[in-house]
Amino acid sequence: LTDVYSSSPALGRYFRSAQVVYFSNETSTVLYQLEFSVPPSTEGFMENTMNPDFIRNILRQNIYDED
């Protein structure tokens, strides 16, 4: 995750860290926490760039690109 987000053109400059919060081999579940350092509030920044769907799609795109 660190490589994915730190190299992202959209989020790389804001990305600080990623850590696994929970992992289960049994259910193939991983919960992780991403940390970003965001600039002082600018119009639409949190709603658009830091939107959870947008952040998830960065990871999805990386997975698709590897296939």
Protein backbone atom coordinates (compact mmCIF):
# COMPACT_ATOMS: atom_id res chain seq x y z
CA LEU A 1 0.00 0.00 0.00
CA THR A 2 2.83 2.36 0.76
CA ASP A 3 4.16 2.07 -2.79
CA VAL A 4 0.69 2.43 -4.31
CA TYR A 5 -0.23 5.62 -2.48
CA SER A 6 3.19 7.27 -2.34
CA SER A 7 3.57 6.92 -6.12
CA SER A 8 0.03 8.08 -6.89
CA PRO A 9 -0.01 11.31 -8.93
CA ALA A 10 -3.23 12.34 -7.18
CA LEU A 11 -2.37 11.42 -3.58
CA GLY A 12 1.41 10.90 -3.37
CA ARG A 13 2.20 14.35 -2.01
CA TYR A 14 -0.34 13.92 0.82
CA PHE A 15 0.35 10.29 1.74
CA ARG A 16 2.27 9.66 4.98
CA SER A 17 1.83 6.01 6.04
CA ALA A 18 -0.16 2.80 5.89
CA GLN A 19 -0.45 0.18 8.58
CA VAL A 20 -2.37 -3.04 9.05
CA VAL A 21 -4.86 -2.75 11.88
CA TYR A 22 -6.35 -6.25 11.57
CA PHE A 23 -5.51 -9.35 9.54
CA SER A 24 -7.35 -12.67 9.29
CA ASN A 25 -6.06 -15.56 7.24
CA GLU A 26 -9.26 -17.44 7.92
CA THR A 27 -11.52 -14.89 6.22
CA SER A 28 -8.90 -13.21 3.98
CA THR A 29 -9.72 -9.91 5.64
CA VAL A 30 -7.33 -7.02 6.13
CA LEU A 31 -8.19 -3.71 7.73
CA TYR A 32 -5.66 -0.98 7.27
CA GLN A 33 -5.24 2.63 8.26
CA LEU A 34 -3.98 5.21 5.82
CA GLU A 35 -2.53 8.49 7.06
CA PHE A 36 -2.52 11.60 4.91
CA SER A 37 -1.28 15.09 5.62
CA VAL A 38 -3.71 17.47 4.00
CA PRO A 39 -3.35 21.19 3.33
CA PRO A 40 -5.52 23.76 5.08
CA SER A 41 -9.06 23.38 3.88
CA THR A 42 -9.56 24.37 0.29
CA GLU A 43 -12.91 24.28 -1.42
CA GLY A 44 -13.84 20.73 -2.39
CA PHE A 45 -10.53 19.14 -1.37
CA MET A 46 -11.88 16.89 1.37
CA GLU A 47 -15.07 16.09 -0.54
CA ASN A 48 -13.26 15.16 -3.75
CA THR A 49 -9.60 14.24 -3.26
CA MET A 50 -9.99 12.71 0.20
CA ASN A 51 -13.27 11.02 -0.69
CA PRO A 52 -13.13 7.36 0.52
CA ASP A 53 -14.35 6.12 -2.88
CA PHE A 54 -11.60 8.04 -4.66
CA ILE A 55 -8.96 6.65 -2.29
CA ARG A 56 -10.26 3.07 -2.79
CA ASN A 57 -10.25 3.55 -6.55
CA ILE A 58 -6.55 4.44 -6.50
CA LEU A 59 -5.89 0.98 -5.05
CA ARG A 60 -8.32 -0.72 -7.45
CA GLN A 61 -6.69 0.93 -10.45
CA ASN A 62 -3.28 -0.25 -9.29
CA ILE A 63 -4.56 -3.82 -8.99
CA TYR A 64 -6.12 -3.67 -12.47
CA ASP A 65 -2.93 -2.24 -13.93
CA GLU A 66 -0.92 -5.18 -12.58
CA ASP A 67 -3.18 -7.70 -14.34
